[in-house]
Protein backbone atom coordinates (compact mmCIF):
# COMPACT_ATOMS: atom_id res chain seq x y z
CA UNK A 1 -10.06 19.94 0.54
CA UNK A 2 -10.71 16.95 2.78
CA UNK A 3 -9.78 17.02 6.43
CA UNK A 4 -6.38 15.75 7.56
CA UNK A 5 -6.59 12.20 8.85
CA UNK A 6 -6.63 11.70 12.62
CA UNK A 7 -4.60 9.20 14.70
CA UNK A 8 -6.82 8.57 17.68
CA UNK A 9 -5.45 5.43 19.32
CA UNK A 10 -1.92 4.00 19.88
CA UNK A 11 -0.91 0.81 21.66
CA UNK A 12 2.52 -0.63 22.37
CA UNK A 13 4.01 -4.10 22.90
CA UNK A 14 6.96 -4.42 25.31
CA UNK A 15 8.60 -7.60 24.09
CA UNK A 16 10.85 -8.23 27.09
CA UNK A 17 10.62 -12.01 26.64
CA UNK A 18 12.39 -13.44 23.64
CA UNK A 19 10.11 -14.88 20.99
CA UNK A 20 10.45 -16.15 17.44
CA UNK A 21 6.94 -15.16 16.51
CA UNK A 22 6.19 -11.66 17.75
CA UNK A 23 2.67 -11.10 19.10
CA UNK A 24 2.01 -7.40 18.65
CA UNK A 25 -0.85 -5.52 20.25
CA UNK A 26 -3.37 -3.67 18.08
CA UNK A 27 -5.92 -1.02 19.12
CA UNK A 28 -9.13 -2.60 20.31
CA UNK A 29 -12.47 -2.19 18.50
CA UNK A 30 -10.89 -0.86 15.34
CA UNK A 31 -13.88 -1.56 13.09
CA UNK A 32 -13.81 -1.42 9.30
CA UNK A 33 -12.17 1.48 7.48
CA UNK A 34 -9.28 2.95 9.54
CA UNK A 35 -5.66 2.65 8.45
CA UNK A 36 -3.49 0.63 10.80
CA UNK A 37 0.29 1.25 11.07
CA UNK A 38 2.56 -1.21 12.91
CA UNK A 39 6.23 -0.46 13.67
CA UNK A 40 8.22 -3.48 14.82
CA UNK A 41 11.92 -3.83 15.79
CA UNK A 42 13.62 -7.10 16.77
CA UNK A 43 16.68 -6.77 18.98
CA UNK A 44 18.90 -8.72 16.61
CA UNK A 45 19.11 -10.31 13.18
CA UNK A 46 15.69 -11.56 12.21
CA UNK A 47 13.40 -12.07 9.17
CA UNK A 48 9.81 -10.89 9.62
CA UNK A 49 7.10 -12.49 7.57
CA UNK A 50 4.08 -10.57 6.36
CA UNK A 51 0.79 -11.51 8.13
CA UNK A 52 -2.17 -12.18 5.84
CA UNK A 53 -3.94 -9.00 4.83
CA UNK A 54 -1.05 -6.66 5.69
CA UNK A 55 1.31 -4.72 3.44
CA UNK A 56 4.93 -3.66 3.76
CA UNK A 57 6.15 -0.10 4.11
CA UNK A 58 9.57 -1.24 5.36
CA UNK A 59 10.60 -4.89 5.12
CA UNK A 60 13.33 -6.32 7.40
CA UNK A 61 15.59 -3.32 7.38
CA UNK A 62 18.97 -3.62 9.05
CA UNK A 63 20.60 -0.41 7.71
CA UNK A 64 21.73 1.17 10.97
CA UNK A 65 24.86 0.14 12.87
CA UNK A 66 23.06 -2.25 15.21
CA UNK A 67 22.32 -5.88 14.28
CA UNK A 68 18.58 -5.14 14.80
CA UNK A 69 15.77 -5.66 12.26
CA UNK A 70 13.01 -3.18 11.72
CA UNK A 71 9.80 -3.53 9.71
CA UNK A 72 6.77 -1.22 9.25
CA UNK A 73 3.47 -2.78 8.17
CA UNK A 74 0.11 -1.29 7.28
CA UNK A 75 -3.41 -2.29 6.28
CA UNK A 76 -6.94 -0.99 5.90
CA UNK A 77 -8.89 -2.47 8.78
CA UNK A 78 -11.79 -4.73 7.87
CA UNK A 79 -13.11 -5.09 11.40
CA UNK A 80 -11.89 -8.64 11.93
CA UNK A 81 -8.40 -7.84 13.23
CA UNK A 82 -8.80 -8.54 16.95
CA UNK A 83 -6.41 -7.04 19.51
CA UNK A 84 -3.17 -8.65 18.31
CA UNK A 85 -1.40 -9.63 15.11
CA UNK A 86 1.48 -12.13 15.04
CA UNK A 87 4.50 -11.31 12.89
CA UNK A 88 6.47 -14.54 12.45
CA UNK A 89 10.24 -14.33 12.67
CA UNK A 90 13.26 -16.54 12.26
CA UNK A 91 15.08 -15.90 15.56
CA UNK A 92 14.05 -15.91 19.21
CA UNK A 93 14.68 -12.29 20.22
CA UNK A 94 13.30 -9.52 22.43
CA UNK A 95 11.36 -6.92 20.50
CA UNK A 96 9.36 -3.70 20.63
CA UNK A 97 6.23 -2.70 18.63
CA UNK A 98 3.87 0.20 18.45
CA UNK A 99 0.59 0.30 16.48
CA UNK A 100 -1.60 3.24 15.59
CA UNK A 101 -5.16 3.59 14.31
CA UNK A 102 -5.80 6.40 11.79
CA UNK A 103 -9.23 7.57 10.74
CA UNK A 104 -10.04 9.22 7.43
CA UNK A 105 -6.72 8.17 5.83
CA UNK A 106 -5.73 6.75 2.47
CA UNK A 107 -2.69 4.78 1.35
CA UNK A 108 0.43 5.72 3.39
CA UNK A 109 3.67 6.69 1.64
CA UNK A 110 7.10 6.67 3.23
CA UNK A 111 10.40 8.43 2.66
CA UNK A 112 13.90 6.92 2.37
CA UNK A 113 15.37 5.70 5.66
CA UNK A 114 17.74 7.93 7.61
CA UNK A 115 20.19 6.25 10.05
CA UNK A 116 22.63 7.51 12.67
CA UNK A 117 24.45 6.75 15.92
CA UNK A 118 23.80 9.61 18.37
CA UNK A 119 20.97 10.94 20.57
CA UNK A 120 19.00 12.73 17.86
CA UNK A 121 17.13 10.43 15.46
CA UNK A 122 15.92 12.51 12.49
CA UNK A 123 13.69 11.23 9.64
CA UNK A 124 14.75 13.99 7.28
CA UNK A 125 12.70 15.57 4.49
CA UNK A 126 9.71 13.90 2.87
CA UNK A 127 8.04 15.18 -0.34
CA UNK A 128 5.32 12.73 -1.51
CA UNK A 129 4.82 12.49 -5.27
CA UNK A 130 1.21 13.71 -5.11
CA UNK A 131 2.20 17.16 -3.86
CA UNK A 132 0.39 19.28 -1.33
CA UNK A 133 -2.31 17.37 0.56
CA UNK A 134 -4.10 17.41 3.91
CA UNK A 135 -1.65 14.89 5.33
CA UNK A 136 -1.17 13.22 8.66
CA UNK A 137 2.59 12.99 9.05
CA UNK A 138 4.02 10.24 11.28
CA UNK A 139 7.47 10.39 12.85
CA UNK A 140 8.56 6.71 13.05
CA UNK A 141 11.81 5.30 14.36
CA UNK A 142 13.61 2.57 16.28
CA UNK A 143 16.93 2.20 17.99
CA UNK A 144 19.14 -0.18 19.91
CA UNK A 145 19.56 0.23 23.69
CA UNK A 146 17.81 0.94 26.99
CA UNK A 147 16.74 4.57 26.62
CA UNK A 148 13.79 6.17 28.30
CA UNK A 149 10.67 4.96 26.45
CA UNK A 150 9.02 6.75 24.86
CA UNK A 151 11.56 9.59 24.58
CA UNK A 152 10.93 12.60 26.74
CA UNK A 153 8.69 15.31 25.19
CA UNK A 154 8.00 15.11 21.41
CA UNK A 155 9.55 16.27 18.18
CA UNK A 156 8.80 19.92 17.66
CA UNK A 157 5.22 20.45 16.36
CA UNK A 158 4.42 16.77 16.80
CA UNK A 159 1.88 15.29 19.25
CA UNK A 160 0.53 11.94 20.44
CA UNK A 161 3.99 10.42 21.24
CA UNK A 162 3.91 6.69 21.90
CA UNK A 163 6.67 4.11 22.24
CA UNK A 164 7.45 0.58 23.34
CA UNK A 165 10.59 -1.26 24.45
CA UNK A 166 12.09 -4.62 25.21
CA UNK A 167 13.00 -3.80 28.80
CA UNK A 168 16.49 -3.54 30.36
CA UNK A 169 17.32 -7.15 31.03
CA UNK A 170 20.63 -8.57 29.78
CA UNK A 171 23.23 -6.65 27.75
CA UNK A 172 22.31 -3.23 26.33
CA UNK A 173 22.77 -4.54 22.82
CA UNK A 174 20.05 -7.15 23.41
CA UNK A 175 17.39 -4.47 23.84
CA UNK A 176 15.62 -2.00 21.57
CA UNK A 177 12.99 0.78 21.47
CA UNK A 178 10.49 2.13 18.93
CA UNK A 179 8.48 5.34 18.89
CA UNK A 180 5.97 7.28 16.80
CA UNK A 181 4.41 10.76 16.95
CA UNK A 182 2.15 12.68 14.57
CA UNK A 183 1.47 16.03 13.00
CA UNK A 184 -1.57 17.17 10.95
CA UNK A 185 -0.27 19.55 8.28
CA UNK A 186 -1.35 20.53 4.79
CA UNK A 187 1.86 20.83 2.81
CA UNK A 188 3.78 19.46 -0.18
CA UNK A 189 6.62 18.32 2.03
CA UNK A 190 7.66 17.98 5.67
CA UNK A 191 11.12 18.06 7.18
CA UNK A 192 10.40 16.23 10.40
CA UNK A 193 12.61 17.35 13.30
CA UNK A 194 14.87 15.18 15.46
CA UNK A 195 13.59 13.50 18.59
CA UNK A 196 16.06 13.40 21.44
CA UNK A 197 16.68 9.98 23.08
CA UNK A 198 18.36 9.57 26.48
CA UNK A 199 21.48 7.67 25.37
CA UNK A 200 23.59 7.42 22.22
CA UNK A 201 23.04 4.31 20.09
CA UNK A 202 22.29 3.19 16.50
CA UNK A 203 18.92 4.38 15.18
CA UNK A 204 16.71 4.32 12.06
CA UNK A 205 14.02 6.88 11.34
CA UNK A 206 11.33 7.46 8.68
CA UNK A 207 8.64 9.96 7.82
CA UNK A 208 5.21 8.48 6.81
CA UNK A 209 2.63 10.62 5.01
CA UNK A 210 -1.01 9.56 5.16
CA UNK A 211 -3.29 11.45 2.75
CA UNK A 212 -7.02 11.99 3.29
CA UNK A 213 -9.55 9.47 2.03
CA UNK A 214 -11.61 10.04 -1.09
CA UNK A 215 -14.72 8.31 -2.36
CA UNK A 216 -14.94 4.65 -3.18
CA UNK A 217 -17.49 4.29 -5.99
CA UNK A 218 -17.39 0.53 -6.67
CA UNK A 219 -15.94 -2.64 -5.16
CA UNK A 220 -16.09 -6.22 -6.43
CA UNK A 221 -14.59 -9.20 -4.56
CA UNK A 222 -15.91 -11.67 -7.22
CA UNK A 223 -17.45 -13.98 -4.60
CA UNK A 224 -19.99 -15.62 -6.85
CA UNK A 225 -20.39 -18.53 -9.24
CA UNK A 226 -17.86 -19.06 -12.05
CA UNK A 227 -19.00 -17.14 -15.13
CA UNK A 228 -17.87 -14.52 -17.63
CA UNK A 229 -17.34 -11.09 -16.09
CA UNK A 230 -20.32 -9.76 -18.04
CA UNK A 231 -23.11 -8.80 -15.63
CA UNK A 232 -25.07 -5.78 -14.52
CA UNK A 233 -21.95 -4.04 -13.25
CA UNK A 234 -19.32 -4.90 -15.88
CA UNK A 235 -19.10 -4.32 -19.62
CA UNK A 236 -16.76 -6.39 -21.85
CA UNK A 237 -16.97 -6.14 -25.65
CA UNK A 238 -13.74 -4.28 -26.35
CA UNK A 239 -12.24 -4.78 -29.80
CA UNK A 240 -9.58 -7.56 -29.86
CA UNK A 241 -10.31 -8.44 -26.17
CA UNK A 242 -12.07 -11.50 -24.80
CA UNK A 243 -14.23 -11.52 -21.65
CA UNK A 244 -12.57 -11.95 -18.33
CA UNK A 245 -13.71 -15.03 -16.36
CA UNK A 246 -14.53 -15.52 -12.69
CA UNK A 247 -13.04 -18.82 -11.55
CA UNK A 248 -12.95 -19.76 -7.90
CA UNK A 249 -13.91 -16.20 -6.77
CA UNK A 250 -11.01 -14.70 -8.74
CA UNK A 251 -10.68 -13.22 -12.17
CA UNK A 252 -8.50 -14.54 -15.04
CA UNK A 253 -8.27 -14.48 -18.81
CA UNK A 254 -10.65 -16.64 -20.85
CA UNK A 255 -7.89 -17.74 -23.25
CA UNK A 256 -4.16 -17.28 -23.64
CA UNK A 257 -2.54 -15.25 -26.44
CA UNK A 258 -5.41 -12.72 -26.46
CA UNK A 259 -6.14 -10.12 -23.83
CA UNK A 260 -9.28 -10.25 -21.67
CA UNK A 261 -10.83 -7.08 -20.29
CA UNK A 262 -13.88 -5.40 -18.79
CA UNK A 263 -14.82 -1.97 -17.44
CA UNK A 264 -17.45 -1.00 -14.87
CA UNK A 265 -20.59 0.70 -16.14
CA UNK A 266 -20.62 3.25 -13.29
CA UNK A 267 -19.74 6.90 -13.87
CA UNK A 268 -16.51 8.00 -12.15
CA UNK A 269 -14.94 11.44 -12.20
CA UNK A 270 -12.00 12.32 -14.41
CA UNK A 271 -9.67 12.14 -11.43
CA UNK A 272 -9.92 8.47 -10.58
CA UNK A 273 -8.14 5.46 -9.13
CA UNK A 274 -8.48 1.73 -9.37
CA UNK A 275 -6.71 -1.16 -7.71
CA UNK A 276 -6.78 -4.91 -7.24
CA UNK A 277 -4.82 -7.65 -5.51
CA UNK A 278 -2.62 -9.98 -7.52
CA UNK A 279 -3.63 -13.45 -6.21
CA UNK A 280 -1.46 -15.33 -8.75
CA UNK A 281 1.33 -14.01 -10.95
CA UNK A 282 3.48 -16.87 -12.24
CA UNK A 283 4.71 -18.84 -15.23
CA UNK A 284 7.60 -18.64 -17.65
CA UNK A 285 5.70 -16.83 -20.43
CA UNK A 286 5.03 -13.11 -20.85
CA UNK A 287 2.17 -12.14 -18.57
CA UNK A 288 0.45 -8.85 -17.75
CA UNK A 289 -2.01 -7.68 -15.06
CA UNK A 290 -3.60 -4.35 -16.12
CA UNK A 291 -5.65 -1.57 -14.53
CA UNK A 292 -7.53 0.67 -16.98
CA UNK A 293 -8.53 4.28 -16.26
CA UNK A 294 -10.48 6.83 -18.36
CA UNK A 295 -11.69 4.16 -20.73
CA UNK A 296 -14.32 4.67 -23.41
CA UNK A 297 -17.45 2.53 -23.67
CA UNK A 298 -16.95 -0.89 -25.30
CA UNK A 299 -15.48 -0.72 -28.76
CA UNK A 300 -12.00 0.11 -29.96
CA UNK A 301 -10.06 1.00 -26.83
CA UNK A 302 -9.16 4.57 -25.86
CA UNK A 303 -7.80 4.88 -22.33
CA UNK A 304 -4.73 4.70 -20.10
CA UNK A 305 -3.36 1.26 -19.26
CA UNK A 306 -1.33 0.70 -16.13
CA UNK A 307 0.52 -2.60 -16.41
CA UNK A 308 2.48 -5.05 -14.19
CA UNK A 309 4.61 -7.37 -16.29
CA UNK A 310 6.41 -10.72 -16.00
CA UNK A 311 9.04 -12.09 -18.39
CA UNK A 312 9.14 -9.05 -20.67
CA UNK A 313 12.89 -8.67 -20.57
CA UNK A 314 13.00 -4.92 -20.66
CA UNK A 315 10.34 -3.71 -18.30
CA UNK A 316 8.37 -4.79 -15.18
CA UNK A 317 5.81 -1.95 -15.23
CA UNK A 318 4.57 0.49 -17.79
CA UNK A 319 1.93 3.15 -18.47
CA UNK A 320 0.46 3.25 -21.94
CA UNK A 321 -1.96 5.57 -23.71
CA UNK A 322 -4.37 3.82 -26.08
CA UNK A 323 -6.15 5.74 -28.79
CA UNK A 324 -8.65 3.75 -30.87
CA UNK A 325 -6.65 0.59 -30.15
CA UNK A 326 -3.21 2.05 -30.96
CA UNK A 327 -0.85 2.04 -27.98
CA UNK A 328 1.90 4.49 -27.06
CA UNK A 329 4.13 3.77 -24.06
CA UNK A 330 4.46 6.85 -21.89
CA UNK A 331 6.71 5.54 -19.16
CA UNK A 332 8.23 2.24 -18.07
CA UNK A 333 10.59 0.76 -15.47
CA UNK A 334 12.40 -2.52 -14.95
CA UNK A 335 13.15 -2.71 -11.23
CA UNK A 336 9.86 -3.97 -9.64
CA UNK A 337 9.27 -7.67 -8.97
CA UNK A 338 5.52 -8.08 -8.85
CA UNK A 339 4.35 -11.12 -6.88
CA UNK A 340 1.28 -12.85 -5.56
CA UNK A 341 -0.30 -10.88 -2.73
CA UNK A 342 0.73 -7.46 -4.15
CA UNK A 343 -1.82 -4.65 -4.27
CA UNK A 344 -1.51 -2.80 -7.56
CA UNK A 345 -3.02 0.69 -7.68
CA UNK A 346 -3.33 3.14 -10.59
CA UNK A 347 -4.18 6.81 -10.37
CA UNK A 348 -5.09 9.37 -13.03
CA UNK A 349 -5.22 12.90 -11.62
CA UNK A 350 -5.20 15.72 -14.10
CA UNK A 351 -2.13 15.00 -16.23
CA UNK A 352 -0.57 12.92 -13.46
CA UNK A 353 -0.50 9.13 -14.00
CA UNK A 354 0.87 6.84 -11.24
CA UNK A 355 1.39 3.12 -10.39
CA UNK A 356 1.75 1.95 -6.79
CA UNK A 357 2.80 -1.42 -5.44
CA UNK A 358 1.67 -2.00 -1.87
CA UNK A 359 1.46 1.72 -1.33
CA UNK A 360 4.90 2.49 -2.76
CA UNK A 361 5.14 4.59 -5.93
CA UNK A 362 6.92 2.61 -8.66
CA UNK A 363 6.21 4.65 -11.80
CA UNK A 364 4.70 8.01 -12.77
CA UNK A 365 4.20 9.98 -15.96
CA UNK A 366 2.43 13.07 -17.25
CA UNK A 367 -0.10 13.01 -20.08
CA UNK A 368 -3.63 14.46 -20.61
CA UNK A 369 -4.80 13.23 -24.00
CA UNK A 370 -7.52 11.03 -22.49
CA UNK A 371 -9.43 13.08 -19.95
CA UNK A 372 -12.39 10.99 -18.79
CA UNK A 373 -13.95 7.57 -18.90
CA UNK A 374 -14.40 4.29 -17.03
CA UNK A 375 -12.10 2.26 -14.77
CA UNK A 376 -11.54 -1.42 -15.47
CA UNK A 377 -9.10 -4.29 -15.47
CA UNK A 378 -7.51 -6.68 -17.96
CA UNK A 379 -4.93 -9.45 -18.23
CA UNK A 380 -2.81 -11.08 -20.94
CA UNK A 381 -0.84 -14.34 -21.04
CA UNK A 382 1.32 -15.28 -24.02
CA UNK A 383 1.13 -18.54 -25.97
CA UNK A 384 2.38 -21.53 -23.94
CA UNK A 385 1.11 -20.16 -20.64
CA UNK A 386 -1.94 -21.06 -18.60
CA UNK A 387 -5.06 -18.95 -17.95
CA UNK A 388 -4.32 -19.46 -14.25
CA UNK A 389 -0.91 -17.66 -14.49
CA UNK A 390 -2.62 -14.32 -13.68
CA UNK A 391 -5.45 -14.12 -11.19
CA UNK A 392 -6.77 -10.96 -9.61
CA UNK A 393 -9.23 -10.16 -6.82
CA UNK A 394 -10.60 -7.38 -4.61
CA UNK A 395 -11.19 -4.71 -7.28
CA UNK A 396 -11.84 -1.21 -5.96
CA UNK A 397 -12.29 2.06 -7.84
CA UNK A 398 -13.38 5.57 -7.07
CA UNK A 399 -12.93 9.30 -7.29
CA UNK A 400 -9.73 10.99 -6.33
CA UNK A 401 -11.50 13.67 -4.39
CA UNK A 402 -8.98 15.98 -2.68
CA UNK A 403 -6.37 14.24 -4.87
CA UNK A 404 -6.55 10.91 -3.09
CA UNK A 405 -8.97 8.08 -2.43
CA UNK A 406 -9.43 5.13 -0.12
CA UNK A 407 -7.73 2.02 -1.48
CA UNK A 408 -8.65 -1.61 -0.87
CA UNK A 409 -10.19 -2.57 2.44
CA UNK A 410 -11.60 0.79 3.46
CA UNK A 411 -15.32 1.34 3.46
CA UNK A 412 -15.10 5.05 4.30
CA UNK A 413 -17.01 7.59 2.27
CA UNK A 414 -18.47 5.12 -0.20
CA UNK A 415 -20.43 7.10 -2.76
CA UNK A 416 -22.70 6.50 -5.76
CA UNK A 417 -22.63 2.72 -5.70
CA UNK A 418 -21.17 -0.25 -3.87
CA UNK A 419 -21.16 -3.71 -5.40
CA UNK A 420 -19.39 -6.17 -3.10
CA UNK A 421 -20.42 -9.75 -3.71
CA UNK A 422 -20.01 -11.83 -0.55
């Protein structure tokens, strides 16, 4: 098993002066690779916008009894972050934020919000879909008021407490607090304890699980001249599929009404992941962005396809097993709205098959008919659409060592081969 990730630096922002655009402190000298988590609460009704390069774990939540707005953001650091990030809002409000650097971590997963109105915020139980891992568990919460910040002591078995606040100026309801603490524990689930705050008020709390990093085998950012995706690292040539095309440093189909696909020609273990960023996902016609895992060499396709869909009518994501070109849908769902900027991730681990959107599990299934092969990507746009309706970028794939791997942005533990074209 890999080691549990480590949270080694925290920094807070005490937003005692009202601002529409919230400038939040980040740990200094982050470098490339670590996971960054930012917890932000505005002391009133607000709409936070996602900064470039970041992902949502919680987006503009106002579930507790206060009128406050809480968001949790994350990213894999690329070394260009600087010491602050600005989260634009829609209202001039005081705020509080705390950010944490985590080394050796993969994609974070979060449980369902728990809310209350007392002195004991409690995130409740959290059982990630991937089962027992060497997790770093984060206690994350925010509340209205002017309580001691951070709260005294820590939740039982948790360390590294850190918090931030908006001060004590003005009415109590115009102020807020946030806090985080951590625990390194190998387990399938964690029932995080309560954390006592110094005065009763409305609160929200979550548990965030950060699995260990695995091995990135191959990355491609497509930063090269326009051409077919048919070079030393990629193999097209799948029956009934055209070549994918690089256009403007992004990848798209070469023609509508026929799928375009390619796989990497690098060996990857049977437990594997792949992901990319959806740069464009638009149009009125049926459109699909696909990740392929455990794919055979070029020919008639045998693999697992993990698909984000537009304008299907009955599904927005599905997992399909292909055997010599014949497809069987294993699982589907119709509740996810895929959009430009989303990071789509697919995992095949033993019989477990999973799709994630921005780190949140949207679909899973169990099947083990196809046990090994190559990762790759594909796209399809129906007649009447444009080749530019689906564009993808920032492809990353690797081995799910210790059941997880490092998604987009992390350069940790790169093994076997790295092909990033700058």
